[in-house]
Amino acid sequence: MIYPTTVAAAEAMFTAAEADGVIITLVSGYRSFATQAQIHDRFVADLGLPAAEAVSAPPGHSEHQTGWAMDIGDGSGACSFTTCFADQPAATWAAANAHRFGFIVRYPAGSEQITGYSYEPWHLRFVGVEAAADIAARRITLEDFLEAPR
């Protein structure tokens, strides 16, 4: 289940984007263990295990199973789940504004060695407004934020 806090923040973010003339849609939210297993297995079959684990978490390790993560789109399907989504208005708006609603782009470009995952401009993680603002201001990953002394 996706947490009500995540849902409320996402709804506020989508409404703010729409007010700015940008459509952001929810493409994927909560995933059960079984659903994540199917997705991961498909990637393993297509790419092999090492490459699959750079783009798909094994079941039991996906942020989608936490209730705090979601994948976004723009309703058109343009560049869905590919890095060219970063150039779509929904992704550029989210990258610039998601922190105001408590979200971060969880797997930012150039951070693959830190996060363990390929760049995913569509994958947002709710961390709360204060943490998201700090992460955005310092241009760091969630891993860096969690390791930094406070």
C-alpha atoms as a PDB file:
ATOM      1  CA  MET A   1       0.000   0.000   0.000  1.00  0.00           C
ATOM      2  CA  ILE A   2       1.206   3.502  -0.721  1.00  0.00           C
ATOM      3  CA  TYR A   3       1.158   5.622   2.426  1.00  0.00           C
ATOM      4  CA  PRO A   4      -1.495   8.338   2.753  1.00  0.00           C
ATOM      5  CA  THR A   5       1.299  10.880   3.372  1.00  0.00           C
ATOM      6  CA  THR A   6       2.862   9.949   0.029  1.00  0.00           C
ATOM      7  CA  VAL A   7      -0.499  10.128  -1.741  1.00  0.00           C
ATOM      8  CA  ALA A   8      -1.334  13.557  -0.290  1.00  0.00           C
ATOM      9  CA  ALA A   9       2.084  14.944  -1.219  1.00  0.00           C
ATOM     10  CA  ALA A  10       1.832  13.500  -4.732  1.00  0.00           C
ATOM     11  CA  GLU A  11      -1.634  14.954  -5.245  1.00  0.00           C
ATOM     12  CA  ALA A  12      -0.423  18.390  -4.113  1.00  0.00           C
ATOM     13  CA  MET A  13       2.586  18.116  -6.415  1.00  0.00           C
ATOM     14  CA  PHE A  14       0.497  17.046  -9.416  1.00  0.00           C
ATOM     15  CA  THR A  15      -1.919  19.935  -8.781  1.00  0.00           C
ATOM     16  CA  ALA A  16       0.937  22.460  -8.553  1.00  0.00           C
ATOM     17  CA  ALA A  17       2.470  21.122 -11.767  1.00  0.00           C
ATOM     18  CA  GLU A  18      -0.885  21.381 -13.535  1.00  0.00           C
ATOM     19  CA  ALA A  19      -1.199  25.001 -12.357  1.00  0.00           C
ATOM     20  CA  ASP A  20       2.148  25.579 -14.099  1.00  0.00           C
ATOM     21  CA  GLY A  21       0.810  23.933 -17.265  1.00  0.00           C
ATOM     22  CA  VAL A  22       2.601  20.613 -16.757  1.00  0.00           C
ATOM     23  CA  ILE A  23       0.862  17.253 -16.561  1.00  0.00           C
ATOM     24  CA  ILE A  24       2.395  14.678 -14.220  1.00  0.00           C
ATOM     25  CA  THR A  25       0.760  11.277 -13.891  1.00  0.00           C
ATOM     26  CA  LEU A  26       1.295   8.339 -11.587  1.00  0.00           C
ATOM     27  CA  VAL A  27       2.604   5.418 -13.626  1.00  0.00           C
ATOM     28  CA  SER A  28       3.523   3.001 -10.852  1.00  0.00           C
ATOM     29  CA  GLY A  29       3.110   3.175  -7.088  1.00  0.00           C
ATOM     30  CA  TYR A  30       3.078   0.362  -4.572  1.00  0.00           C
ATOM     31  CA  ARG A  31       4.137  -3.082  -5.809  1.00  0.00           C
ATOM     32  CA  SER A  32       3.578  -6.333  -4.014  1.00  0.00           C
ATOM     33  CA  PHE A  33       6.385  -8.848  -3.567  1.00  0.00           C
ATOM     34  CA  ALA A  34       4.854 -10.985  -6.351  1.00  0.00           C
ATOM     35  CA  THR A  35       4.594  -8.068  -8.781  1.00  0.00           C
ATOM     36  CA  GLN A  36       8.164  -6.990  -8.086  1.00  0.00           C
ATOM     37  CA  ALA A  37       9.317 -10.579  -8.596  1.00  0.00           C
ATOM     38  CA  GLN A  38       7.628 -10.676 -12.019  1.00  0.00           C
ATOM     39  CA  ILE A  39       9.191  -7.351 -13.049  1.00  0.00           C
ATOM     40  CA  HIS A  40      12.638  -8.346 -11.813  1.00  0.00           C
ATOM     41  CA  ASP A  41      12.429 -11.785 -13.434  1.00  0.00           C
ATOM     42  CA  ARG A  42      11.528 -10.176 -16.770  1.00  0.00           C
ATOM     43  CA  PHE A  43      14.590  -7.916 -16.585  1.00  0.00           C
ATOM     44  CA  VAL A  44      16.812 -10.863 -15.654  1.00  0.00           C
ATOM     45  CA  ALA A  45      15.492 -12.850 -18.627  1.00  0.00           C
ATOM     46  CA  ASP A  46      16.044  -9.912 -20.993  1.00  0.00           C
ATOM     47  CA  LEU A  47      19.347  -8.528 -19.681  1.00  0.00           C
ATOM     48  CA  GLY A  48      20.974 -11.120 -17.454  1.00  0.00           C
ATOM     49  CA  LEU A  49      21.314 -10.784 -13.691  1.00  0.00           C
ATOM     50  CA  PRO A  50      24.091  -8.151 -13.340  1.00  0.00           C
ATOM     51  CA  ALA A  51      22.510  -5.726 -15.833  1.00  0.00           C
ATOM     52  CA  ALA A  52      19.007  -6.375 -14.491  1.00  0.00           C
ATOM     53  CA  GLU A  53      20.003  -5.431 -10.965  1.00  0.00           C
ATOM     54  CA  ALA A  54      21.184  -2.011 -12.172  1.00  0.00           C
ATOM     55  CA  VAL A  55      17.637  -1.240 -13.322  1.00  0.00           C
ATOM     56  CA  SER A  56      15.336  -3.395 -11.187  1.00  0.00           C
ATOM     57  CA  ALA A  57      15.510  -4.227  -7.500  1.00  0.00           C
ATOM     58  CA  PRO A  58      14.987  -7.833  -6.494  1.00  0.00           C
ATOM     59  CA  PRO A  59      11.713  -8.548  -4.698  1.00  0.00           C
ATOM     60  CA  GLY A  60      11.912  -7.476  -1.081  1.00  0.00           C
ATOM     61  CA  HIS A  61      14.358  -4.662  -1.949  1.00  0.00           C
ATOM     62  CA  SER A  62      12.287  -2.357  -4.163  1.00  0.00           C
ATOM     63  CA  GLU A  63      11.388   1.100  -2.924  1.00  0.00           C
ATOM     64  CA  HIS A  64       7.992   0.495  -4.519  1.00  0.00           C
ATOM     65  CA  GLN A  65       7.353  -2.045  -1.771  1.00  0.00           C
ATOM     66  CA  THR A  66       7.895   0.592   0.941  1.00  0.00           C
ATOM     67  CA  GLY A  67       4.868   2.759   0.170  1.00  0.00           C
ATOM     68  CA  TRP A  68       7.139   5.809  -0.230  1.00  0.00           C
ATOM     69  CA  ALA A  69       8.055   5.609  -3.947  1.00  0.00           C
ATOM     70  CA  MET A  70       6.384   6.136  -7.289  1.00  0.00           C
ATOM     71  CA  ASP A  71       7.161   6.364 -10.956  1.00  0.00           C
ATOM     72  CA  ILE A  72       5.791   9.343 -12.849  1.00  0.00           C
ATOM     73  CA  GLY A  73       4.919  10.034 -16.457  1.00  0.00           C
ATOM     74  CA  ASP A  74       3.278  12.750 -18.471  1.00  0.00           C
ATOM     75  CA  GLY A  75       0.241  10.869 -19.727  1.00  0.00           C
ATOM     76  CA  SER A  76       1.583  10.623 -23.281  1.00  0.00           C
ATOM     77  CA  GLY A  77       3.856   7.642 -22.771  1.00  0.00           C
ATOM     78  CA  ALA A  78       6.699   9.607 -24.372  1.00  0.00           C
ATOM     79  CA  CYS A  79      10.009   8.196 -23.201  1.00  0.00           C
ATOM     80  CA  SER A  80       8.384   6.150 -20.435  1.00  0.00           C
ATOM     81  CA  PHE A  81      10.998   4.374 -18.352  1.00  0.00           C
ATOM     82  CA  THR A  82      13.852   5.609 -20.534  1.00  0.00           C
ATOM     83  CA  THR A  83      16.383   8.325 -19.779  1.00  0.00           C
ATOM     84  CA  CYS A  84      14.954  10.566 -22.512  1.00  0.00           C
ATOM     85  CA  PHE A  85      12.071  11.128 -20.062  1.00  0.00           C
ATOM     86  CA  ALA A  86      14.445  13.578 -18.335  1.00  0.00           C
ATOM     87  CA  ASP A  87      13.794  16.024 -21.200  1.00  0.00           C
ATOM     88  CA  GLN A  88       9.999  15.830 -20.913  1.00  0.00           C
ATOM     89  CA  PRO A  89       8.216  18.707 -19.122  1.00  0.00           C
ATOM     90  CA  ALA A  90       6.952  16.391 -16.355  1.00  0.00           C
ATOM     91  CA  ALA A  91      10.485  15.290 -15.495  1.00  0.00           C
ATOM     92  CA  THR A  92      12.067  18.735 -15.702  1.00  0.00           C
ATOM     93  CA  TRP A  93       9.298  20.194 -13.528  1.00  0.00           C
ATOM     94  CA  ALA A  94       9.659  17.364 -10.991  1.00  0.00           C
ATOM     95  CA  ALA A  95      13.448  17.707 -10.893  1.00  0.00           C
ATOM     96  CA  ALA A  96      13.093  21.411 -10.118  1.00  0.00           C
ATOM     97  CA  ASN A  97      10.096  21.274  -7.781  1.00  0.00           C
ATOM     98  CA  ALA A  98       9.501  17.833  -6.258  1.00  0.00           C
ATOM     99  CA  HIS A  99      11.479  18.728  -3.127  1.00  0.00           C
ATOM    100  CA  ARG A 100       8.830  21.344  -2.259  1.00  0.00           C
ATOM    101  CA  PHE A 101       6.431  18.421  -1.745  1.00  0.00           C
ATOM    102  CA  GLY A 102       8.874  16.099   0.011  1.00  0.00           C
ATOM    103  CA  PHE A 103      10.052  14.077  -3.004  1.00  0.00           C
ATOM    104  CA  ILE A 104      13.482  13.499  -4.494  1.00  0.00           C
ATOM    105  CA  VAL A 105      14.557  11.999  -7.794  1.00  0.00           C
ATOM    106  CA  ARG A 106      15.851   8.896  -6.105  1.00  0.00           C
ATOM    107  CA  TYR A 107      18.373   7.726  -8.695  1.00  0.00           C
ATOM    108  CA  PRO A 108      19.961  10.897 -10.124  1.00  0.00           C
ATOM    109  CA  ALA A 109      22.231  11.025 -13.154  1.00  0.00           C
ATOM    110  CA  GLY A 110      25.872  10.397 -12.376  1.00  0.00           C
ATOM    111  CA  SER A 111      25.148   8.734  -9.031  1.00  0.00           C
ATOM    112  CA  GLU A 112      25.044   5.122 -10.150  1.00  0.00           C
ATOM    113  CA  GLN A 113      28.130   4.204  -8.108  1.00  0.00           C
ATOM    114  CA  ILE A 114      26.464   5.592  -4.982  1.00  0.00           C
ATOM    115  CA  THR A 115      22.875   4.390  -5.432  1.00  0.00           C
ATOM    116  CA  GLY A 116      23.624   1.137  -7.234  1.00  0.00           C
ATOM    117  CA  TYR A 117      20.972   1.905  -9.858  1.00  0.00           C
ATOM    118  CA  SER A 118      20.925   3.501 -13.270  1.00  0.00           C
ATOM    119  CA  TYR A 119      19.578   7.035 -13.682  1.00  0.00           C
ATOM    120  CA  GLU A 120      15.778   7.058 -13.377  1.00  0.00           C
ATOM    121  CA  PRO A 121      14.308  10.536 -13.866  1.00  0.00           C
ATOM    122  CA  TRP A 122      10.820   9.067 -13.396  1.00  0.00           C
ATOM    123  CA  HIS A 123      11.405   7.455  -9.981  1.00  0.00           C
ATOM    124  CA  LEU A 124      10.494   9.705  -7.059  1.00  0.00           C
ATOM    125  CA  ARG A 125      10.866   8.884  -3.383  1.00  0.00           C
ATOM    126  CA  PHE A 126       9.040  10.643  -0.562  1.00  0.00           C
ATOM    127  CA  VAL A 127      11.440  11.628   2.226  1.00  0.00           C
ATOM    128  CA  GLY A 128       9.599  14.617   3.705  1.00  0.00           C
ATOM    129  CA  VAL A 129       9.889  18.290   2.844  1.00  0.00           C
ATOM    130  CA  GLU A 130      12.803  19.123   5.139  1.00  0.00           C
ATOM    131  CA  ALA A 131      14.984  16.216   3.988  1.00  0.00           C
ATOM    132  CA  ALA A 132      14.034  16.687   0.322  1.00  0.00           C
ATOM    133  CA  ALA A 133      14.878  20.400   0.466  1.00  0.00           C
ATOM    134  CA  ASP A 134      18.265  19.622   2.033  1.00  0.00           C
ATOM    135  CA  ILE A 135      19.031  16.895  -0.504  1.00  0.00           C
ATOM    136  CA  ALA A 136      18.027  19.183  -3.382  1.00  0.00           C
ATOM    137  CA  ALA A 137      19.980  22.170  -2.057  1.00  0.00           C
ATOM    138  CA  ARG A 138      23.146  20.129  -1.582  1.00  0.00           C
ATOM    139  CA  ARG A 139      22.594  18.089  -4.787  1.00  0.00           C
ATOM    140  CA  ILE A 140      23.321  14.836  -3.021  1.00  0.00           C
ATOM    141  CA  THR A 141      21.814  11.368  -3.001  1.00  0.00           C
ATOM    142  CA  LEU A 142      19.700   9.860  -0.251  1.00  0.00           C
ATOM    143  CA  GLU A 143      22.697   7.681   0.624  1.00  0.00           C
ATOM    144  CA  ASP A 144      24.860  10.782   1.109  1.00  0.00           C
ATOM    145  CA  PHE A 145      22.139  12.415   3.204  1.00  0.00           C
ATOM    146  CA  LEU A 146      21.764   9.374   5.447  1.00  0.00           C
ATOM    147  CA  GLU A 147      25.532   9.111   5.983  1.00  0.00           C
ATOM    148  CA  ALA A 148      26.134  12.828   6.650  1.00  0.00           C
ATOM    149  CA  PRO A 149      26.533  13.888  10.271  1.00  0.00           C
ATOM    150  CA  ARG A 150      23.851  16.262  11.464  1.00  0.00           C
END
